[in-house]
């Protein structure tokens, strides 16, 4: 789109805004429905698109793990400064919380996670990770770029904002429970609703996917040390074999789901860590195993945790071993079930249909994956959704947490525009009828 056409588009929309939000009347539904398509056109303009791509690539080249996102946070703050967006920092060590709008109620939040994963990138391209052993393998670099894109859209069209949009740049989603620490910091105390998204390589490009109710499972990690008595492999009668004990424990743990859980109550126990021994002919003194457990209800999750301890300790005794079980909740907090608020789902679907069309909105089946976005939903009405980016003409799209994970950067304008539209329309539809469009007090922040 030529620069002149782009400026004309902005001018036309600002004329629409003046009709849309006269200070003494409610928004007009037909005109509300035009916001998403305008925001998408704005985000797709080469100047805005290239800016978001540049941000995403800078973050991708310099990945940082949970609560270590200091350079990522610095980049975010620099961009917010350029946009003229006020913010609080630090929040939960490296987090940033921005504010756009009047500073008055209602408050609606849109969130992006910032942290990378401890993986060595296997994709060879110009902007490959420059940090050995660290990689953005779950799209968080794209999430940050899209939230900054939403900030740019919202700031450009700030007259539309009838309340306050809270921009949540959150650290440590990958097991660190950054969302919990953001809540503990109190910056979201006045927020009425929160929306989060995740790019998805499972769904076609341009689709928005979600559902009301439970969408992602509760999850926790555990680690157990099984102690025995080491010795020579040729003389097992003089040893107490912790490898054999650990093997029996692993098999027994699988029975928790296959024989104790209701088949209609989804649960998972996975052992992903087994460490023990260093020689072919020596039985070790101890073995360490570890893994994750997941469930779709709080009650099932608590029951599963209790049974994991019982099975590990009692099965170890059967094999004449001892066992200790740790859940390390301080370092890896349990994630609650992510539950989508029904009313917010209706709002999301309405806005998404206006932007993408009914055929591109899909109700999904719940996933056993977990997200610390669930912490927000325990105290604030929340809605989490996925944005499809799969396009085989661009490349092969691996699932998240793969060293060969790639992001289809064409999705960036869609995420930015959808988050901005969801927040803007939420405030327009929930703002007090007497609120003046000329109020820009920030006293309540």
Protein backbone atom coordinates (compact mmCIF):
# COMPACT_ATOMS: atom_id res chain seq x y z
CA UNK A 1 0.00 0.00 0.00
CA UNK A 2 1.56 3.37 -0.99
CA UNK A 3 2.25 5.84 1.82
CA UNK A 4 -0.45 8.26 0.60
CA UNK A 5 -3.07 5.49 0.54
CA UNK A 6 -2.02 4.40 4.01
CA UNK A 7 -2.44 7.92 5.40
CA UNK A 8 -5.80 8.22 3.63
CA UNK A 9 -6.89 4.98 5.26
CA UNK A 10 -6.02 6.35 8.69
CA UNK A 11 -7.85 9.60 7.95
CA UNK A 12 -10.98 7.79 6.80
CA UNK A 13 -11.00 5.63 9.90
CA UNK A 14 -10.57 8.59 12.20
CA UNK A 15 -13.65 10.13 10.59
CA UNK A 16 -15.40 6.84 11.33
CA UNK A 17 -14.23 7.05 14.93
CA UNK A 18 -15.84 10.45 15.37
CA UNK A 19 -19.13 8.92 14.27
CA UNK A 20 -18.60 5.75 16.25
CA UNK A 21 -18.05 7.20 19.71
CA UNK A 22 -19.91 10.46 20.21
CA UNK A 23 -19.65 11.24 23.90
CA UNK A 24 -23.36 10.93 24.60
CA UNK A 25 -24.24 7.67 22.82
CA UNK A 26 -23.31 4.01 22.63
CA UNK A 27 -21.15 2.48 19.89
CA UNK A 28 -22.99 1.40 16.73
CA UNK A 29 -22.68 -2.37 16.15
CA UNK A 30 -22.20 -2.08 12.36
CA UNK A 31 -19.35 0.35 12.85
CA UNK A 32 -17.81 -1.71 15.68
CA UNK A 33 -17.56 -4.60 13.24
CA UNK A 34 -15.29 -2.53 10.99
CA UNK A 35 -12.59 -2.09 13.64
CA UNK A 36 -10.92 -5.52 13.18
CA UNK A 37 -10.60 -5.22 9.40
CA UNK A 38 -9.17 -1.71 9.68
CA UNK A 39 -6.70 -2.75 12.35
CA UNK A 40 -5.60 -5.68 10.18
CA UNK A 41 -5.06 -3.40 7.17
CA UNK A 42 -3.01 -1.10 9.36
CA UNK A 43 -0.90 -3.97 10.73
CA UNK A 44 -0.30 -5.36 7.23
CA UNK A 45 1.11 -2.10 5.92
CA UNK A 46 4.78 -2.75 5.00
CA UNK A 47 6.06 -0.13 7.43
CA UNK A 48 4.26 -1.73 10.39
CA UNK A 49 4.80 -5.31 9.25
CA UNK A 50 8.54 -4.88 8.69
CA UNK A 51 8.84 -3.22 12.09
CA UNK A 52 7.22 -6.21 13.81
CA UNK A 53 9.36 -8.67 11.84
CA UNK A 54 12.49 -6.77 12.86
CA UNK A 55 11.52 -6.93 16.53
CA UNK A 56 10.75 -10.63 16.35
CA UNK A 57 14.09 -11.40 14.69
CA UNK A 58 16.10 -9.36 17.20
CA UNK A 59 14.47 -11.27 20.04
CA UNK A 60 14.97 -14.58 18.23
CA UNK A 61 18.69 -13.93 17.80
CA UNK A 62 19.08 -13.18 21.51
CA UNK A 63 16.93 -15.68 23.45
CA UNK A 64 16.77 -15.50 27.24
CA UNK A 65 15.40 -18.02 29.71
CA UNK A 66 12.74 -17.36 32.35
CA UNK A 67 13.39 -14.40 34.68
CA UNK A 68 16.56 -13.65 32.68
CA UNK A 69 14.84 -11.66 29.90
CA UNK A 70 16.74 -8.44 30.66
CA UNK A 71 17.68 -7.58 27.06
CA UNK A 72 14.24 -8.58 25.79
CA UNK A 73 12.68 -6.31 28.42
CA UNK A 74 15.05 -3.50 27.46
CA UNK A 75 13.99 -3.81 23.82
CA UNK A 76 10.31 -3.74 24.79
CA UNK A 77 10.75 -0.63 26.92
CA UNK A 78 12.66 1.14 24.15
CA UNK A 79 9.84 0.48 21.70
CA UNK A 80 7.18 1.60 24.19
CA UNK A 81 9.17 4.79 24.75
CA UNK A 82 9.19 5.45 21.00
CA UNK A 83 5.45 4.87 20.86
CA UNK A 84 4.86 7.18 23.82
CA UNK A 85 3.30 4.40 25.90
CA UNK A 86 3.69 4.61 29.69
CA UNK A 87 4.67 1.48 31.60
CA UNK A 88 5.78 -0.02 34.89
CA UNK A 89 9.12 -1.82 35.23
CA UNK A 90 10.40 -4.03 36.72
CA UNK A 91 7.43 -6.27 37.41
CA UNK A 92 8.19 -9.85 38.48
CA UNK A 93 11.93 -9.24 37.88
CA UNK A 94 11.92 -8.66 34.10
CA UNK A 95 8.26 -8.07 33.27
CA UNK A 96 6.87 -4.89 31.75
CA UNK A 97 3.28 -3.64 32.06
CA UNK A 98 2.17 -0.86 29.71
CA UNK A 99 -0.94 1.33 29.74
CA UNK A 100 -2.83 2.87 26.83
CA UNK A 101 -6.04 4.87 27.18
CA UNK A 102 -7.72 7.06 29.73
CA UNK A 103 -6.23 5.52 32.86
CA UNK A 104 -9.78 5.01 34.10
CA UNK A 105 -12.00 1.88 34.24
CA UNK A 106 -12.75 -0.43 32.67
CA UNK A 107 -9.36 -2.14 32.41
CA UNK A 108 -8.67 -4.93 29.94
CA UNK A 109 -5.35 -6.75 29.59
CA UNK A 110 -3.64 -8.41 26.63
CA UNK A 111 -0.63 -10.61 27.37
CA UNK A 112 2.54 -11.92 25.72
CA UNK A 113 5.15 -14.25 27.21
CA UNK A 114 8.85 -13.44 26.66
CA UNK A 115 11.06 -16.39 27.61
CA UNK A 116 12.97 -18.87 25.46
CA UNK A 117 13.84 -22.54 25.95
CA UNK A 118 17.12 -24.34 26.75
CA UNK A 119 17.45 -25.82 23.25
CA UNK A 120 20.14 -25.62 20.59
CA UNK A 121 18.53 -24.26 17.42
CA UNK A 122 18.70 -26.65 14.47
CA UNK A 123 17.31 -24.28 11.84
CA UNK A 124 19.94 -22.67 9.62
CA UNK A 125 18.86 -19.15 8.67
CA UNK A 126 20.10 -15.58 8.78
CA UNK A 127 18.59 -14.82 12.19
CA UNK A 128 19.43 -18.07 13.99
CA UNK A 129 19.94 -17.87 17.77
CA UNK A 130 23.31 -16.40 18.66
CA UNK A 131 23.24 -17.93 22.15
CA UNK A 132 24.43 -21.55 22.35
CA UNK A 133 21.91 -23.86 23.99
CA UNK A 134 19.05 -21.33 23.97
CA UNK A 135 16.29 -20.86 21.42
CA UNK A 136 12.84 -19.37 20.95
CA UNK A 137 11.20 -22.69 20.11
CA UNK A 138 7.64 -21.87 21.18
CA UNK A 139 6.82 -18.60 19.44
CA UNK A 140 7.26 -16.24 22.39
CA UNK A 141 9.41 -13.96 20.21
CA UNK A 142 6.42 -13.65 17.88
CA UNK A 143 4.05 -13.06 20.81
CA UNK A 144 6.14 -10.08 21.99
CA UNK A 145 6.31 -8.63 18.48
CA UNK A 146 2.54 -8.96 18.11
CA UNK A 147 1.82 -7.30 21.46
CA UNK A 148 4.09 -4.41 20.53
CA UNK A 149 2.24 -4.31 17.21
CA UNK A 150 -1.05 -4.14 19.11
CA UNK A 151 0.41 -1.31 21.19
CA UNK A 152 1.27 0.61 18.03
CA UNK A 153 -2.25 0.12 16.65
CA UNK A 154 -3.87 1.14 19.92
CA UNK A 155 -1.67 4.19 20.42
CA UNK A 156 -2.33 5.34 16.85
CA UNK A 157 -6.07 5.00 17.49
CA UNK A 158 -6.13 5.98 21.16
CA UNK A 159 -9.33 8.01 20.76
CA UNK A 160 -11.18 4.72 20.38
CA UNK A 161 -10.08 3.47 23.77
CA UNK A 162 -12.87 4.05 26.28
CA UNK A 163 -10.98 2.90 29.35
CA UNK A 164 -7.50 1.42 29.70
CA UNK A 165 -5.70 -1.34 27.84
CA UNK A 166 -3.04 -3.03 29.99
CA UNK A 167 -0.14 -4.52 28.03
CA UNK A 168 1.32 -7.51 29.91
CA UNK A 169 4.83 -8.53 28.84
CA UNK A 170 5.31 -11.55 31.07
CA UNK A 171 8.50 -13.45 31.94
CA UNK A 172 9.01 -17.15 32.61
CA UNK A 173 6.02 -18.94 31.13
CA UNK A 174 8.08 -22.06 30.45
CA UNK A 175 7.78 -23.66 33.87
CA UNK A 176 8.69 -20.64 35.97
CA UNK A 177 5.15 -19.49 36.69
CA UNK A 178 5.77 -15.89 35.64
CA UNK A 179 2.03 -15.25 35.48
CA UNK A 180 1.73 -16.03 39.18
CA UNK A 181 4.44 -13.52 40.02
CA UNK A 182 2.80 -10.86 37.84
CA UNK A 183 -0.40 -11.32 39.83
CA UNK A 184 1.50 -11.20 43.12
CA UNK A 185 3.03 -7.86 42.04
CA UNK A 186 -0.52 -6.40 42.04
CA UNK A 187 -0.37 -4.61 38.70
CA UNK A 188 -3.43 -6.48 37.44
CA UNK A 189 -5.60 -5.88 40.51
CA UNK A 190 -8.00 -3.56 38.67
CA UNK A 191 -8.15 -5.55 35.43
CA UNK A 192 -11.62 -6.80 34.49
CA UNK A 193 -10.59 -9.30 31.79
CA UNK A 194 -7.43 -10.67 30.19
CA UNK A 195 -6.80 -12.15 26.74
CA UNK A 196 -3.81 -14.21 25.61
CA UNK A 197 -2.85 -15.91 22.36
CA UNK A 198 -0.39 -18.53 21.14
CA UNK A 199 0.74 -19.12 17.57
CA UNK A 200 0.08 -22.68 16.44
CA UNK A 201 1.82 -24.83 13.85
CA UNK A 202 -1.03 -27.36 14.03
CA UNK A 203 -3.65 -25.20 12.32
CA UNK A 204 -3.72 -23.51 8.90
CA UNK A 205 -2.60 -19.93 8.54
CA UNK A 206 -5.28 -17.35 9.29
CA UNK A 207 -7.44 -19.46 11.60
CA UNK A 208 -8.34 -18.52 15.18
CA UNK A 209 -8.95 -21.47 17.48
CA UNK A 210 -10.39 -21.68 20.99
CA UNK A 211 -13.33 -22.95 23.06
CA UNK A 212 -15.25 -21.97 26.20
CA UNK A 213 -14.48 -23.77 29.46
CA UNK A 214 -11.35 -25.85 30.20
CA UNK A 215 -8.90 -25.65 27.32
CA UNK A 216 -5.49 -26.64 28.76
CA UNK A 217 -4.58 -28.99 31.61
CA UNK A 218 -3.16 -28.41 35.06
CA UNK A 219 0.43 -29.63 35.24
CA UNK A 220 3.23 -30.26 37.70
CA UNK A 221 6.74 -31.70 37.76
CA UNK A 222 8.20 -34.28 40.11
CA UNK A 223 11.56 -35.87 40.76
CA UNK A 224 12.34 -38.96 42.80
CA UNK A 225 15.58 -40.48 44.06
CA UNK A 226 15.48 -44.24 44.55
CA UNK A 227 18.25 -45.43 46.83
CA UNK A 228 19.64 -48.96 47.02
CA UNK A 229 23.02 -50.60 47.45
CA UNK A 230 25.49 -50.65 44.61
CA UNK A 231 27.92 -53.38 43.66
CA UNK A 232 29.31 -55.59 40.92
CA UNK A 233 26.89 -56.61 38.18
CA UNK A 234 28.14 -60.21 38.45
CA UNK A 235 27.08 -60.41 42.11
CA UNK A 236 23.52 -58.98 42.22
CA UNK A 237 22.75 -60.93 45.42
CA UNK A 238 25.06 -58.57 47.30
CA UNK A 239 23.29 -55.47 46.00
CA UNK A 240 19.91 -53.76 46.24
CA UNK A 241 19.28 -52.76 42.65
CA UNK A 242 17.72 -49.27 42.32
CA UNK A 243 17.53 -49.57 38.51
CA UNK A 244 15.19 -52.56 38.80
CA UNK A 245 13.18 -50.73 41.46
CA UNK A 246 12.91 -47.61 39.30
CA UNK A 247 11.78 -49.70 36.34
CA UNK A 248 8.97 -51.25 38.38
CA UNK A 249 8.00 -47.81 39.67
CA UNK A 250 7.71 -46.42 36.14
CA UNK A 251 5.44 -49.27 35.06
CA UNK A 252 3.28 -48.85 38.18
CA UNK A 253 2.95 -45.10 37.61
CA UNK A 254 1.37 -45.77 34.22
CA UNK A 255 -1.36 -47.76 35.98
CA UNK A 256 -2.50 -44.57 37.74
CA UNK A 257 -4.06 -43.42 34.49
CA UNK A 258 -4.91 -46.73 32.84
CA UNK A 259 -6.47 -48.38 35.93
CA UNK A 260 -7.33 -45.72 38.51
CA UNK A 261 -8.52 -42.68 36.54
CA UNK A 262 -11.97 -42.35 35.02
CA UNK A 263 -11.45 -42.85 31.25
CA UNK A 264 -13.57 -39.74 30.67
CA UNK A 265 -11.37 -37.67 33.01
CA UNK A 266 -8.22 -36.97 30.99
CA UNK A 267 -4.97 -37.46 32.91
CA UNK A 268 -1.33 -38.03 31.95
CA UNK A 269 1.75 -39.20 33.85
CA UNK A 270 5.00 -39.12 31.87
CA UNK A 271 8.48 -40.13 33.03
CA UNK A 272 10.92 -38.13 30.92
CA UNK A 273 14.06 -38.39 33.07
CA UNK A 274 15.98 -41.53 34.10
CA UNK A 275 19.53 -41.13 35.42
CA UNK A 276 21.56 -43.85 37.06
CA UNK A 277 24.82 -45.68 36.70
CA UNK A 278 27.96 -44.91 34.75
CA UNK A 279 29.42 -48.32 33.88
CA UNK A 280 28.14 -51.45 32.18
CA UNK A 281 29.16 -53.78 34.99
CA UNK A 282 28.37 -51.74 38.10
CA UNK A 283 24.98 -51.51 39.81
CA UNK A 284 24.67 -47.94 41.13
CA UNK A 285 23.73 -46.86 44.64
CA UNK A 286 20.84 -44.71 43.43
CA UNK A 287 18.70 -43.72 40.45
CA UNK A 288 16.90 -40.45 39.75
CA UNK A 289 13.68 -40.34 37.77
CA UNK A 290 11.47 -37.37 36.97
CA UNK A 291 8.53 -36.32 34.90
CA UNK A 292 5.27 -34.46 34.65
CA UNK A 293 1.66 -35.14 35.59
CA UNK A 294 -1.43 -33.45 34.18
CA UNK A 295 -5.18 -33.41 34.73
CA UNK A 296 -8.23 -31.40 33.70
CA UNK A 297 -9.70 -30.88 37.17
CA UNK A 298 -8.21 -29.62 40.40
CA UNK A 299 -9.51 -32.65 42.29
CA UNK A 300 -7.96 -35.13 39.86
CA UNK A 301 -4.70 -33.22 39.90
CA UNK A 302 -4.45 -33.35 43.72
CA UNK A 303 -5.36 -37.05 43.74
CA UNK A 304 -2.74 -37.78 41.08
CA UNK A 305 -0.05 -35.99 43.07
CA UNK A 306 -0.86 -38.00 46.20
CA UNK A 307 -0.83 -41.31 44.34
CA UNK A 308 2.51 -40.54 42.66
CA UNK A 309 4.13 -40.23 46.09
CA UNK A 310 2.46 -43.41 47.36
CA UNK A 311 3.39 -45.49 44.33
CA UNK A 312 7.02 -44.38 44.25
CA UNK A 313 7.70 -44.84 47.96
CA UNK A 314 5.79 -48.11 48.34
CA UNK A 315 7.11 -49.72 45.17
CA UNK A 316 10.63 -48.82 46.27
CA UNK A 317 10.01 -50.67 49.55
CA UNK A 318 8.86 -53.77 47.67
CA UNK A 319 12.28 -53.83 46.02
CA UNK A 320 14.06 -53.18 49.38
CA UNK A 321 14.93 -49.62 48.31
CA UNK A 322 14.05 -46.25 49.79
CA UNK A 323 12.70 -43.27 47.85
CA UNK A 324 12.20 -39.53 48.28
CA UNK A 325 9.87 -37.51 46.07
CA UNK A 326 10.19 -33.78 45.43
CA UNK A 327 7.85 -31.50 43.47
CA UNK A 328 10.06 -28.38 43.52
CA UNK A 329 7.05 -26.05 43.52
CA UNK A 330 9.22 -23.04 44.39
CA UNK A 331 11.19 -23.35 41.16
CA UNK A 332 8.51 -24.95 38.99
CA UNK A 333 5.06 -23.97 40.29
CA UNK A 334 2.08 -26.18 39.52
CA UNK A 335 0.07 -24.69 36.65
CA UNK A 336 -3.71 -24.64 37.16
CA UNK A 337 -6.22 -25.64 34.48
CA UNK A 338 -6.64 -22.90 31.87
CA UNK A 339 -10.37 -22.17 31.79
CA UNK A 340 -11.90 -19.83 29.23
CA UNK A 341 -14.68 -17.56 30.48
CA UNK A 342 -17.87 -18.19 28.47
CA UNK A 343 -18.77 -14.52 28.01
CA UNK A 344 -15.23 -13.63 26.94
CA UNK A 345 -15.30 -16.50 24.46
CA UNK A 346 -18.43 -15.02 22.87
CA UNK A 347 -16.67 -11.66 22.64
CA UNK A 348 -13.54 -13.23 21.13
CA UNK A 349 -15.55 -15.16 18.58
CA UNK A 350 -17.54 -12.10 17.49
CA UNK A 351 -14.41 -10.02 16.94
CA UNK A 352 -12.54 -12.87 15.25
CA UNK A 353 -15.42 -13.53 12.86
CA UNK A 354 -15.49 -9.85 11.89
CA UNK A 355 -11.78 -10.03 11.06
CA UNK A 356 -11.33 -13.53 9.63
CA UNK A 357 -14.78 -14.76 8.65
CA UNK A 358 -16.84 -17.55 10.21
CA UNK A 359 -15.10 -20.34 8.27
CA UNK A 360 -11.76 -19.42 9.87
CA UNK A 361 -12.95 -19.72 13.48
CA UNK A 362 -12.63 -23.19 14.94
CA UNK A 363 -13.76 -24.69 18.24
CA UNK A 364 -10.94 -26.95 19.42
CA UNK A 365 -10.73 -30.02 21.60
CA UNK A 366 -9.01 -29.50 24.98
CA UNK A 367 -5.25 -30.14 24.99
CA UNK A 368 -3.16 -31.82 27.69
CA UNK A 369 -0.57 -29.08 27.24
CA UNK A 370 -0.36 -26.50 30.02
CA UNK A 371 -0.02 -22.71 30.15
CA UNK A 372 0.62 -20.46 33.11
CA UNK A 373 -2.10 -18.22 31.67
CA UNK A 374 -4.27 -20.44 33.89
CA UNK A 375 -3.07 -18.43 36.91
CA UNK A 376 -4.78 -15.32 35.51
CA UNK A 377 -8.04 -17.22 35.00
CA UNK A 378 -8.16 -18.12 38.68
CA UNK A 379 -8.54 -14.44 39.68
CA UNK A 380 -9.58 -12.58 36.49
CA UNK A 381 -11.99 -13.67 33.74
CA UNK A 382 -9.68 -14.84 30.96
CA UNK A 383 -9.69 -16.08 27.38
CA UNK A 384 -6.83 -17.94 25.72
CA UNK A 385 -6.80 -18.73 22.01
CA UNK A 386 -4.54 -20.03 19.26
CA UNK A 387 -3.69 -18.44 15.92
CA UNK A 388 -2.89 -20.81 13.08
CA UNK A 389 0.29 -20.19 11.09
CA UNK A 390 0.80 -23.47 9.20
CA UNK A 391 1.61 -22.94 5.51
CA UNK A 392 3.50 -25.74 3.80
CA UNK A 393 4.68 -23.38 1.04
CA UNK A 394 6.68 -21.47 3.67
CA UNK A 395 8.32 -24.54 5.21
CA UNK A 396 7.81 -27.55 7.45
CA UNK A 397 6.19 -26.60 10.72
CA UNK A 398 7.32 -28.61 13.71
CA UNK A 399 5.48 -28.56 17.02
CA UNK A 400 6.66 -26.26 19.80
CA UNK A 401 9.74 -27.20 21.83
CA UNK A 402 11.46 -28.65 18.77
CA UNK A 403 14.94 -27.40 17.74
CA UNK A 404 13.51 -27.15 14.21
CA UNK A 405 10.58 -24.92 15.21
CA UNK A 406 9.90 -22.01 12.87
CA UNK A 407 7.45 -19.10 12.87
CA UNK A 408 5.49 -17.99 9.83
CA UNK A 409 6.02 -14.24 10.17
CA UNK A 410 2.97 -13.51 8.00
CA UNK A 411 0.93 -14.25 11.15
CA UNK A 412 2.29 -11.19 13.00
CA UNK A 413 -0.24 -8.64 11.66
CA UNK A 414 -3.12 -11.00 12.44
CA UNK A 415 -2.10 -11.46 16.06
CA UNK A 416 -1.44 -7.74 16.57
CA UNK A 417 -4.72 -6.68 15.00
CA UNK A 418 -6.80 -9.33 16.72
CA UNK A 419 -5.44 -8.52 20.20
CA UNK A 420 -5.91 -4.78 19.59
CA UNK A 421 -9.44 -5.31 18.27
CA UNK A 422 -10.48 -7.59 21.12
CA UNK A 423 -9.28 -5.07 23.70
CA UNK A 424 -10.72 -2.02 21.94
CA UNK A 425 -14.16 -3.53 21.42
CA UNK A 426 -14.25 -4.90 24.95
CA UNK A 427 -13.75 -1.39 26.34
CA UNK A 428 -16.26 0.18 23.92
CA UNK A 429 -18.86 -2.38 24.90
CA UNK A 430 -18.18 -2.16 28.65
CA UNK A 431 -17.48 1.54 29.15
CA UNK A 432 -19.86 3.60 31.32
CA UNK A 433 -22.37 5.45 29.14
CA UNK A 434 -21.38 8.77 30.71
CA UNK A 435 -17.65 8.42 29.99
CA UNK A 436 -16.36 11.31 27.91
CA UNK A 437 -13.97 10.56 25.06
CA UNK A 438 -11.91 13.56 26.13
CA UNK A 439 -11.02 12.17 29.55
CA UNK A 440 -7.38 11.12 29.69
CA UNK A 441 -6.67 11.02 33.41
CA UNK A 442 -4.16 8.45 34.63
CA UNK A 443 -4.91 8.92 38.31
CA UNK A 444 -6.17 5.34 38.80
CA UNK A 445 -2.93 3.81 37.54
